[in-house]
Amino acid sequence: MCGRYTLLADELEILQEFGLHKEIGSYQPSYNIAPGQNVLAIIHDGNAKRAGYLRWGLVPSWANDEKIGYKMINARSETAHEKMSFKKLMSRKRCLIVADSFYEWKKTDDGKLPKRIQPAGRKLFAFAGLWDKWEQAGKVIFTCTILTKEANDFMQDIHHRMPIILPKNKEDDWITPLKQSPVQAHEFLQTLEDDELTGYNVGTYVNVAKNNDETCIEPIIQGN
């Protein structure tokens, strides 16, 4: 599961980190990125990498109603190559979704407590994502989903699923314009090594998606 994350870097840092050469239009950092919002993503158009915005919550091109997107913020990497919603996208519509941390909620006797989680030693990273274009009655939207997998040793104590964070040297491979079969893309994801993760407790202020300031990432001592 990945339902909330952050992107606090400035635009120049993002351009440099991902080897982008064009400015990102209307870029705004966020402490609390939530489903349904437009999120910064990177694709390869066959000539170069480019960054732009996709709405978080996949609406497949064949869907009758765009509201399906709210149910498709994540895709299970173990089966994405088999599912109608994701199979073709695994072959030709892969993207990087740019972030610098994500939130996950740990079940405790006191309720679900949020944690902010980051790769150790990396300020910026990319989730493995899929995107699609939906068009109906003259309306066009571009949407995306974040691929997930079984939790690693670090995450198991927090949640049984986690987003796929691409190793730095695998980011360009994921969005290569060379067409892969869905099975090949699936196998690529299965071979990825995990980054070492670190995390700390934050307050329930982050639970409300409209809350979007530095309070979201302030560390707290559990029980306070």
Protein backbone atom coordinates (compact mmCIF):
# COMPACT_ATOMS: atom_id res chain seq x y z
CA MET A 1 0.00 0.00 0.00
CA CYS A 2 1.12 3.53 -0.73
CA GLY A 3 -1.49 6.18 -0.10
CA ARG A 4 0.43 9.31 0.84
CA TYR A 5 3.89 10.70 0.18
CA THR A 6 6.01 13.87 0.02
CA LEU A 7 8.09 15.80 -2.49
CA LEU A 8 9.91 18.74 -0.90
CA ALA A 9 12.93 19.19 -3.19
CA ASP A 10 13.27 22.31 -5.28
CA GLU A 11 12.91 22.14 -9.05
CA LEU A 12 16.62 22.40 -9.81
CA GLU A 13 17.38 19.42 -7.55
CA ILE A 14 14.82 17.33 -9.41
CA LEU A 15 16.13 18.34 -12.83
CA GLN A 16 19.69 17.45 -11.84
CA GLU A 17 18.82 14.19 -10.07
CA PHE A 18 16.86 12.77 -12.99
CA GLY A 19 18.84 14.23 -15.88
CA LEU A 20 16.04 16.45 -17.16
CA HIS A 21 16.71 19.40 -19.45
CA LYS A 22 13.37 21.20 -19.56
CA GLU A 23 11.76 23.13 -16.73
CA ILE A 24 8.83 21.57 -14.88
CA GLY A 25 5.76 23.68 -15.40
CA SER A 26 3.88 24.85 -12.29
CA TYR A 27 6.00 22.78 -9.91
CA GLN A 28 5.03 23.02 -6.24
CA PRO A 29 6.57 21.00 -3.36
CA SER A 30 4.12 19.13 -1.12
CA TYR A 31 4.22 17.70 2.39
CA ASN A 32 1.11 15.58 1.85
CA ILE A 33 0.51 14.20 -1.64
CA ALA A 34 -2.75 12.25 -1.76
CA PRO A 35 -4.74 10.17 -4.26
CA GLY A 36 -6.70 12.23 -6.75
CA GLN A 37 -4.04 14.92 -6.89
CA ASN A 38 -1.77 15.64 -9.82
CA VAL A 39 1.66 14.14 -9.17
CA LEU A 40 5.05 14.70 -10.76
CA ALA A 41 6.05 11.85 -13.06
CA ILE A 42 8.73 11.18 -15.65
CA ILE A 43 8.29 9.26 -18.90
CA HIS A 44 10.49 8.69 -21.94
CA ASP A 45 8.83 9.88 -25.14
CA GLY A 46 11.21 7.96 -27.42
CA ASN A 47 13.59 10.88 -27.78
CA ALA A 48 14.17 12.09 -24.25
CA LYS A 49 12.95 11.95 -20.68
CA ARG A 50 10.38 14.53 -19.75
CA ALA A 51 8.53 15.43 -16.58
CA GLY A 52 4.90 16.34 -16.22
CA TYR A 53 1.83 15.76 -14.14
CA LEU A 54 -0.43 12.73 -13.96
CA ARG A 55 -3.48 12.35 -11.75
CA TRP A 56 -2.88 9.75 -9.04
CA GLY A 57 -5.42 6.98 -9.44
CA LEU A 58 -5.32 5.02 -12.68
CA VAL A 59 -8.23 5.31 -15.08
CA PRO A 60 -7.70 2.66 -17.79
CA SER A 61 -8.36 3.80 -21.35
CA TRP A 62 -11.29 1.38 -21.61
CA ALA A 63 -13.04 2.46 -18.39
CA ASN A 64 -16.59 3.81 -18.60
CA ASP A 65 -16.25 6.05 -15.55
CA GLU A 66 -13.20 8.00 -14.41
CA LYS A 67 -14.21 7.44 -10.76
CA ILE A 68 -12.58 4.01 -10.99
CA GLY A 69 -9.30 5.85 -10.44
CA TYR A 70 -9.94 6.22 -6.71
CA LYS A 71 -9.80 2.42 -6.42
CA MET A 72 -6.59 2.11 -8.44
CA ILE A 73 -3.95 4.19 -6.71
CA ASN A 74 -1.77 1.07 -6.37
CA ALA A 75 -1.13 -2.00 -8.52
CA ARG A 76 0.25 -5.29 -7.20
CA SER A 77 3.51 -5.97 -9.04
CA GLU A 78 3.09 -9.71 -8.57
CA THR A 79 0.03 -9.80 -10.85
CA ALA A 80 0.11 -6.56 -12.87
CA HIS A 81 1.40 -8.40 -15.95
CA GLU A 82 -1.74 -10.56 -15.90
CA LYS A 83 -4.48 -8.04 -15.11
CA MET A 84 -6.46 -6.33 -17.87
CA SER A 85 -6.07 -2.91 -16.24
CA PHE A 86 -2.29 -3.06 -16.16
CA LYS A 87 -1.04 -5.67 -18.63
CA LYS A 88 -0.59 -3.40 -21.66
CA LEU A 89 0.78 -0.61 -19.50
CA MET A 90 3.51 -2.91 -18.16
CA SER A 91 4.64 -3.25 -21.76
CA ARG A 92 4.61 0.34 -22.98
CA LYS A 93 3.45 2.91 -20.39
CA ARG A 94 5.88 2.80 -17.50
CA CYS A 95 6.79 5.92 -15.53
CA LEU A 96 8.79 7.25 -12.61
CA ILE A 97 6.79 8.91 -9.85
CA VAL A 98 9.09 11.34 -8.06
CA ALA A 99 9.17 11.46 -4.25
CA ASP A 100 11.43 12.00 -1.27
CA SER A 101 9.51 10.04 1.40
CA PHE A 102 6.24 8.21 1.93
CA TYR A 103 3.89 7.72 4.84
CA GLU A 104 2.60 4.44 6.19
CA TRP A 105 0.31 3.75 9.13
CA LYS A 106 1.22 1.13 11.71
CA LYS A 107 -1.58 -0.62 13.60
CA THR A 108 -1.13 -0.34 17.37
CA ASP A 109 -3.28 -0.66 20.48
CA ASP A 110 -3.69 3.12 20.29
CA GLY A 111 -4.88 3.05 16.69
CA LYS A 112 -3.07 3.59 13.42
CA LEU A 113 0.06 5.67 13.90
CA PRO A 114 1.70 7.35 10.87
CA LYS A 115 5.39 7.05 10.04
CA ARG A 116 7.49 8.91 7.52
CA ILE A 117 9.76 6.53 5.59
CA GLN A 118 12.76 7.32 3.37
CA PRO A 119 15.63 5.50 1.68
CA ALA A 120 18.75 5.99 3.77
CA GLY A 121 21.25 8.21 1.99
CA ARG A 122 18.97 9.29 -0.86
CA LYS A 123 17.21 12.64 -0.86
CA LEU A 124 15.17 11.94 -3.99
CA PHE A 125 13.90 8.70 -5.49
CA ALA A 126 11.25 7.33 -7.83
CA PHE A 127 8.44 4.87 -7.35
CA ALA A 128 7.85 2.44 -10.21
CA GLY A 129 4.61 3.54 -11.83
CA LEU A 130 2.26 2.90 -14.73
CA TRP A 131 0.23 5.50 -16.61
CA ASP A 132 -2.61 5.68 -19.10
CA LYS A 133 -4.65 8.13 -21.14
CA TRP A 134 -8.44 8.20 -20.79
CA GLU A 135 -10.72 10.07 -23.17
CA GLN A 136 -14.48 10.33 -23.19
CA ALA A 137 -16.95 12.94 -24.45
CA GLY A 138 -14.11 15.31 -25.24
CA LYS A 139 -12.52 15.03 -21.81
CA VAL A 140 -8.92 13.77 -21.65
CA ILE A 141 -7.05 12.85 -18.47
CA PHE A 142 -3.67 11.24 -17.88
CA THR A 143 -3.48 9.12 -14.75
CA CYS A 144 -1.07 6.82 -12.93
CA THR A 145 -0.70 4.14 -10.29
CA ILE A 146 2.17 3.12 -8.00
CA LEU A 147 3.36 -0.48 -8.14
CA THR A 148 3.64 -2.29 -4.81
CA LYS A 149 5.12 -5.51 -3.46
CA GLU A 150 5.34 -7.58 -0.29
CA ALA A 151 6.95 -5.71 2.58
CA ASN A 152 10.68 -6.18 3.14
CA ASP A 153 12.22 -6.80 6.56
CA PHE A 154 12.10 -3.13 7.52
CA MET A 155 8.47 -2.61 6.46
CA GLN A 156 7.00 -5.85 7.83
CA ASP A 157 6.64 -4.34 11.28
CA ILE A 158 4.66 -1.44 9.83
CA HIS A 159 2.58 -2.82 6.95
CA HIS A 160 2.45 -5.99 4.84
CA ARG A 161 2.82 -4.07 1.54
CA MET A 162 5.18 -1.36 0.32
CA PRO A 163 5.72 0.74 -2.82
CA ILE A 164 8.46 -0.28 -5.23
CA ILE A 165 11.34 2.18 -4.97
CA LEU A 166 13.57 1.90 -8.00
CA PRO A 167 17.34 1.70 -7.40
CA LYS A 168 19.01 4.77 -8.87
CA ASN A 169 20.76 2.76 -11.59
CA LYS A 170 17.47 1.13 -12.67
CA GLU A 171 15.31 4.23 -13.12
CA ASP A 172 16.12 4.77 -16.79
CA ASP A 173 15.79 1.04 -17.48
CA TRP A 174 12.22 1.12 -16.16
CA ILE A 175 11.10 3.85 -18.55
CA THR A 176 13.15 2.79 -21.56
CA PRO A 177 11.14 3.29 -24.75
CA LEU A 178 12.10 -0.19 -25.93
CA LYS A 179 8.96 -2.27 -25.84
CA GLN A 180 9.00 -5.11 -23.34
CA SER A 181 6.48 -7.86 -22.86
CA PRO A 182 4.42 -7.63 -19.68
CA VAL A 183 6.23 -10.70 -18.41
CA GLN A 184 9.63 -9.11 -19.03
CA ALA A 185 8.58 -6.00 -17.12
CA HIS A 186 7.32 -8.21 -14.29
CA GLU A 187 10.62 -10.09 -14.18
CA PHE A 188 12.53 -6.80 -14.12
CA LEU A 189 10.66 -5.72 -10.99
CA GLN A 190 11.28 -9.05 -9.27
CA THR A 191 15.05 -8.67 -9.64
CA LEU A 192 15.31 -5.25 -7.98
CA GLU A 193 17.29 -4.90 -4.80
CA ASP A 194 15.80 -2.92 -1.92
CA ASP A 195 17.24 0.33 -0.69
CA GLU A 196 17.95 0.47 3.02
CA LEU A 197 15.02 2.33 4.58
CA THR A 198 14.73 4.53 7.62
CA GLY A 199 11.69 6.06 9.28
CA TYR A 200 10.28 7.96 12.22
CA ASN A 201 6.92 8.66 13.84
CA VAL A 202 4.90 11.70 12.80
CA GLY A 203 1.64 13.08 14.15
CA THR A 204 -1.89 12.31 13.01
CA TYR A 205 -2.01 15.81 11.50
CA VAL A 206 -0.91 14.13 8.26
CA ASN A 207 -4.07 12.00 8.24
CA VAL A 208 -6.03 14.90 6.77
CA ALA A 209 -5.07 15.33 3.12
CA LYS A 210 -5.71 19.08 3.10
CA ASN A 211 -3.06 19.56 5.80
CA ASN A 212 0.03 20.41 3.80
CA ASP A 213 2.81 22.09 5.75
CA GLU A 214 5.94 21.18 7.71
CA THR A 215 3.84 19.95 10.66
CA CYS A 216 3.20 16.80 8.58
CA ILE A 217 6.84 15.73 8.84
CA GLU A 218 7.65 16.84 12.38
CA PRO A 219 9.00 13.90 14.42
CA ILE A 220 7.08 12.89 17.52
CA ILE A 221 7.87 10.54 20.37
CA GLN A 222 5.34 7.71 20.37
CA GLY A 223 2.89 8.14 23.20
CA ASN A 224 3.16 11.95 23.26
